[in-house]
Amino acid sequence: MTGRDEPVIRLERVTKEYRVGEETVRALRGVDLRIEANELLAIMGPSGSGKSTLMNILGCLDVPSSGRYLLEGRDVAGLSASQLARVRGDRIGFVFQTFELLPRQTALRNVELPLIYSDARARRARAAEALRRVGLADRMEHRPSQMSGGQRQRVAVARALVHDPSLLLADEPTGNLDSRTGEQILDLFAELHAQGQTIVIVTHEPDVAARCRRVVRVRDGRIESDDADAEPTWEPARAPVSASPLSHREERPCPW
């Protein structure tokens, strides 16, 4: 867990460079970013701005070329591939535009997957609770083909939450949904945020960013603007998704 004054995420002069043939592509150019616990933040930027590279670094899917990335106060530089995998599995929940569900498995089995090495009974109970939190108590035994797009995305959110992550990282989470269903997923994020979940949404849609309390815009590998005083267009949820708010997380040892 983070210390009292320690942000969930702190980037210090982070750069990322790639070699493409004889050319060096500078995807990030000295990015500084601090994300506190229980923020609801959108990262926006045009194609080629560096926002996808930034998302990959935040999710520990890639590492900086220089600078520091501290996750819950721990520098991820120098971690082995297996240590990075443990950080991703224990501290970060991912929600993707394309859901990434196993088509032949039930909702319950899909949500269980991140807990594959846990005790079977405990694993099943935690997966069922995660599905209840996202409003799918009556869809646990349904396969993806038996659910709507919004329900499939809720399964994906439940899977991201099942290990109680410090950070929920959503990449274009409404991109494959119609506008009404997308609004429902954003309502779900608002409810989770009201419970204490830290959420970062990577999006190119202004309507999605408008639902967040902070909007960071990236251009040419740099942070162009950081509006920390945005007024979200959603109203706080009337009731939490679950009776078990995230503020009651149990202490867990860091996986490195």
Protein backbone atom coordinates (compact mmCIF):
# COMPACT_ATOMS: atom_id res chain seq x y z
CA MET A 1 0.00 0.00 0.00
CA THR A 2 1.11 3.59 -0.50
CA GLY A 3 2.34 5.73 2.33
CA ARG A 4 0.14 8.56 3.57
CA ASP A 5 1.81 11.14 1.29
CA GLU A 6 2.99 8.79 -1.46
CA PRO A 7 1.08 8.88 -4.77
CA VAL A 8 0.06 5.70 -6.51
CA ILE A 9 2.09 6.78 -9.55
CA ARG A 10 5.02 9.16 -9.91
CA LEU A 11 6.87 9.67 -13.18
CA GLU A 12 10.05 11.75 -13.11
CA ARG A 13 11.51 12.95 -16.43
CA VAL A 14 10.50 9.71 -18.14
CA THR A 15 11.64 9.18 -21.72
CA LYS A 16 11.05 6.31 -24.12
CA GLU A 17 12.98 5.76 -27.34
CA TYR A 18 12.63 3.09 -30.01
CA ARG A 19 14.87 2.16 -32.89
CA VAL A 20 13.01 1.82 -36.19
CA GLY A 21 15.60 0.87 -38.78
CA GLU A 22 18.18 3.64 -38.74
CA GLU A 23 15.84 6.08 -37.06
CA THR A 24 15.35 6.75 -33.33
CA VAL A 25 11.73 7.45 -32.41
CA ARG A 26 11.36 9.53 -29.24
CA ALA A 27 7.92 8.49 -28.04
CA LEU A 28 8.16 10.20 -24.63
CA ARG A 29 10.31 13.25 -23.93
CA GLY A 30 10.75 13.93 -20.22
CA VAL A 31 7.30 13.26 -18.79
CA ASP A 32 6.55 14.22 -15.18
CA LEU A 33 3.27 12.94 -13.77
CA ARG A 34 1.86 12.34 -10.31
CA ILE A 35 -1.38 10.41 -9.75
CA GLU A 36 -2.80 10.27 -6.26
CA ALA A 37 -4.90 7.49 -4.75
CA ASN A 38 -8.60 7.67 -5.67
CA GLU A 39 -8.12 9.89 -8.72
CA LEU A 40 -10.31 9.48 -11.79
CA LEU A 41 -8.10 10.66 -14.62
CA ALA A 42 -8.26 10.67 -18.42
CA ILE A 43 -5.19 10.64 -20.68
CA MET A 44 -5.89 12.08 -24.13
CA GLY A 45 -3.85 12.72 -27.24
CA PRO A 46 -3.91 12.32 -31.02
CA SER A 47 -2.42 9.36 -32.83
CA GLY A 48 1.36 9.38 -32.41
CA SER A 49 1.23 11.66 -29.38
CA GLY A 50 2.79 9.11 -27.03
CA LYS A 51 -0.31 8.29 -25.00
CA SER A 52 -0.17 4.57 -25.85
CA THR A 53 3.51 4.44 -24.87
CA LEU A 54 2.65 6.24 -21.64
CA MET A 55 -0.14 3.73 -20.96
CA ASN A 56 2.26 0.82 -21.52
CA ILE A 57 4.72 2.27 -19.04
CA LEU A 58 2.02 2.97 -16.44
CA GLY A 59 0.84 -0.63 -16.83
CA CYS A 60 4.39 -2.03 -16.50
CA LEU A 61 4.06 -3.47 -20.00
CA ASP A 62 7.17 -1.49 -20.95
CA VAL A 63 9.92 0.34 -19.08
CA PRO A 64 11.34 3.85 -19.54
CA SER A 65 14.53 4.49 -21.48
CA SER A 66 15.45 7.04 -18.81
CA GLY A 67 13.85 8.73 -15.84
CA ARG A 68 12.01 7.04 -12.99
CA TYR A 69 8.64 5.37 -12.62
CA LEU A 70 7.58 4.80 -9.03
CA LEU A 71 4.51 2.67 -8.40
CA GLU A 72 3.30 2.99 -4.82
CA GLY A 73 6.69 4.45 -3.95
CA ARG A 74 8.69 1.59 -5.50
CA ASP A 75 10.96 2.19 -8.49
CA VAL A 76 10.14 -0.37 -11.19
CA ALA A 77 13.50 0.13 -12.93
CA GLY A 78 15.62 -2.98 -12.93
CA LEU A 79 12.79 -5.41 -12.20
CA SER A 80 13.03 -8.72 -13.97
CA ALA A 81 10.37 -9.87 -16.43
CA SER A 82 8.89 -12.17 -13.80
CA GLN A 83 8.81 -9.37 -11.21
CA LEU A 84 7.09 -7.04 -13.67
CA ALA A 85 4.55 -9.79 -14.38
CA ARG A 86 3.84 -10.09 -10.66
CA VAL A 87 3.38 -6.32 -10.37
CA ARG A 88 0.93 -6.38 -13.29
CA GLY A 89 -0.93 -9.31 -11.79
CA ASP A 90 -1.12 -7.98 -8.25
CA ARG A 91 -1.22 -4.18 -8.46
CA ILE A 92 -2.76 -3.24 -11.81
CA GLY A 93 -6.13 -4.15 -13.31
CA PHE A 94 -6.48 -3.82 -17.09
CA VAL A 95 -9.66 -3.14 -19.07
CA PHE A 96 -9.36 -3.31 -22.85
CA GLN A 97 -11.47 -2.01 -25.72
CA THR A 98 -11.91 -5.54 -27.12
CA PHE A 99 -12.81 -7.16 -23.75
CA GLU A 100 -10.25 -10.01 -24.21
CA LEU A 101 -12.53 -12.71 -22.77
CA LEU A 102 -12.15 -16.43 -23.40
CA PRO A 103 -15.20 -17.28 -25.55
CA ARG A 104 -15.68 -20.84 -24.31
CA GLN A 105 -15.51 -19.97 -20.63
CA THR A 106 -18.29 -18.63 -18.43
CA ALA A 107 -18.19 -15.17 -16.93
CA LEU A 108 -17.19 -16.69 -13.61
CA ARG A 109 -14.31 -18.64 -15.14
CA ASN A 110 -13.08 -15.59 -17.05
CA VAL A 111 -12.99 -13.53 -13.86
CA GLU A 112 -11.21 -16.34 -11.99
CA LEU A 113 -8.28 -16.38 -14.42
CA PRO A 114 -6.05 -13.81 -12.64
CA LEU A 115 -6.36 -15.96 -9.49
CA ILE A 116 -5.41 -19.22 -11.18
CA TYR A 117 -2.82 -20.09 -8.53
CA SER A 118 -5.12 -19.39 -5.60
CA ASP A 119 -7.15 -21.95 -3.69
CA ALA A 120 -10.04 -23.03 -5.93
CA ARG A 121 -12.79 -22.33 -3.40
CA ALA A 122 -11.44 -18.90 -2.47
CA ARG A 123 -10.86 -18.11 -6.13
CA ARG A 124 -14.45 -18.87 -7.03
CA ALA A 125 -15.80 -16.82 -4.12
CA ARG A 126 -13.72 -13.77 -5.05
CA ALA A 127 -14.72 -14.01 -8.71
CA ALA A 128 -18.40 -14.25 -7.78
CA GLU A 129 -18.08 -11.20 -5.52
CA ALA A 130 -16.39 -9.22 -8.32
CA LEU A 131 -19.24 -10.07 -10.69
CA ARG A 132 -21.79 -9.02 -8.08
CA ARG A 133 -19.98 -5.70 -7.72
CA VAL A 134 -20.45 -4.94 -11.42
CA GLY A 135 -24.09 -6.01 -11.44
CA LEU A 136 -23.75 -9.44 -13.05
CA ALA A 137 -24.83 -11.76 -10.23
CA ASP A 138 -27.34 -13.35 -12.60
CA ARG A 139 -24.87 -13.85 -15.49
CA MET A 140 -22.10 -15.83 -13.81
CA GLU A 141 -22.66 -19.01 -15.84
CA HIS A 142 -23.18 -17.22 -19.17
CA ARG A 143 -20.53 -17.33 -21.88
CA PRO A 144 -19.51 -14.15 -23.74
CA SER A 145 -21.62 -15.09 -26.77
CA GLN A 146 -24.68 -15.10 -24.49
CA MET A 147 -24.08 -11.55 -23.25
CA SER A 148 -24.38 -8.05 -24.68
CA GLY A 149 -21.34 -5.87 -25.34
CA GLY A 150 -21.95 -3.94 -22.15
CA GLN A 151 -22.20 -7.12 -20.12
CA ARG A 152 -18.99 -8.44 -21.65
CA GLN A 153 -17.22 -5.23 -20.71
CA ARG A 154 -18.58 -5.55 -17.15
CA VAL A 155 -17.07 -9.04 -17.01
CA ALA A 156 -13.77 -7.50 -18.12
CA VAL A 157 -14.03 -4.88 -15.37
CA ALA A 158 -14.80 -7.60 -12.79
CA ARG A 159 -11.73 -9.54 -13.95
CA ALA A 160 -9.61 -6.40 -13.55
CA LEU A 161 -10.93 -5.85 -10.02
CA VAL A 162 -10.81 -9.41 -8.73
CA HIS A 163 -7.30 -9.09 -7.26
CA ASP A 164 -8.11 -5.71 -5.66
CA PRO A 165 -5.60 -3.64 -7.66
CA SER A 166 -4.11 -0.32 -6.65
CA LEU A 167 -4.68 1.01 -10.17
CA LEU A 168 -7.41 0.33 -12.73
CA LEU A 169 -6.07 1.14 -16.20
CA ALA A 170 -8.69 1.28 -18.97
CA ASP A 171 -7.69 1.56 -22.64
CA GLU A 172 -10.55 2.99 -24.76
CA PRO A 173 -13.07 1.04 -22.61
CA THR A 174 -16.12 2.31 -24.52
CA GLY A 175 -14.62 2.11 -28.00
CA ASN A 176 -16.54 -1.04 -29.02
CA LEU A 177 -19.83 -0.01 -27.41
CA ASP A 178 -22.79 2.03 -28.56
CA SER A 179 -23.25 5.39 -26.85
CA ARG A 180 -25.91 4.23 -24.38
CA THR A 181 -23.95 1.16 -23.31
CA GLY A 182 -20.77 3.23 -23.11
CA GLU A 183 -22.51 5.60 -20.71
CA GLN A 184 -23.43 2.65 -18.51
CA ILE A 185 -19.79 1.53 -18.36
CA LEU A 186 -18.73 5.07 -17.47
CA ASP A 187 -21.38 5.09 -14.76
CA LEU A 188 -19.79 1.92 -13.41
CA PHE A 189 -16.36 3.59 -13.34
CA ALA A 190 -17.91 6.54 -11.49
CA GLU A 191 -19.35 4.20 -8.87
CA LEU A 192 -16.01 2.40 -8.46
CA HIS A 193 -14.27 5.75 -8.10
CA ALA A 194 -16.80 6.71 -5.42
CA GLN A 195 -15.70 3.60 -3.52
CA GLY A 196 -12.03 4.66 -3.59
CA GLN A 197 -10.63 3.02 -6.72
CA THR A 198 -7.86 4.84 -8.59
CA ILE A 199 -8.76 4.84 -12.30
CA VAL A 200 -6.85 6.00 -15.38
CA ILE A 201 -8.76 6.00 -18.67
CA VAL A 202 -6.81 6.33 -21.93
CA THR A 203 -9.16 7.74 -24.55
CA HIS A 204 -9.44 9.94 -27.63
CA GLU A 205 -13.12 10.69 -26.96
CA PRO A 206 -13.89 14.10 -25.37
CA ASP A 207 -17.21 12.78 -24.02
CA VAL A 208 -15.33 10.10 -22.05
CA ALA A 209 -12.73 12.55 -20.76
CA ALA A 210 -15.53 14.89 -19.67
CA ARG A 211 -16.61 12.25 -17.15
CA CYS A 212 -13.27 12.49 -15.34
CA ARG A 213 -12.10 14.87 -12.63
CA ARG A 214 -8.69 15.37 -14.26
CA VAL A 215 -7.65 15.38 -17.91
CA VAL A 216 -4.01 15.04 -19.01
CA ARG A 217 -3.33 15.82 -22.69
CA VAL A 218 -0.25 14.43 -24.39
CA ARG A 219 1.30 15.74 -27.61
CA ASP A 220 4.65 15.00 -29.27
CA GLY A 221 5.76 12.88 -26.32
CA ARG A 222 5.18 15.59 -23.74
CA ILE A 223 2.35 16.56 -21.41
CA GLU A 224 0.71 19.49 -23.15
CA SER A 225 -1.78 20.26 -20.38
CA ASP A 226 -2.94 18.87 -17.07
CA ASP A 227 -6.39 20.02 -15.99
CA ALA A 228 -6.64 18.90 -12.39
CA ASP A 229 -9.70 21.03 -11.70
CA ALA A 230 -12.11 19.56 -14.25
CA GLU A 231 -15.74 19.30 -13.25
CA PRO A 232 -16.99 15.83 -14.27
CA THR A 233 -20.31 15.57 -16.06
CA TRP A 234 -21.47 12.61 -13.96
CA GLU A 235 -23.20 12.83 -10.65
CA PRO A 236 -21.88 10.74 -7.73
CA ALA A 237 -23.44 7.32 -7.56
CA ARG A 238 -26.46 7.05 -5.31
CA ALA A 239 -25.21 3.77 -3.91
CA PRO A 240 -21.92 1.91 -4.31
CA VAL A 241 -21.69 -1.08 -6.60
CA SER A 242 -20.77 -3.24 -3.66
CA ALA A 243 -21.32 -3.16 0.07
CA SER A 244 -17.56 -3.67 0.45
CA PRO A 245 -15.83 -0.34 -0.36
CA LEU A 246 -12.25 -0.39 -1.60
CA SER A 247 -11.12 1.64 1.37
CA HIS A 248 -11.18 -1.62 3.31
CA ARG A 249 -8.42 -3.22 1.24
CA GLU A 250 -6.28 -5.60 3.21
CA GLU A 251 -2.57 -4.94 3.43
CA ARG A 252 -0.60 -7.06 1.00
CA PRO A 253 3.18 -7.32 0.63
CA CYS A 254 4.63 -5.69 -2.47
CA PRO A 255 5.44 -8.35 -5.12
CA TRP A 256 9.05 -7.22 -5.47
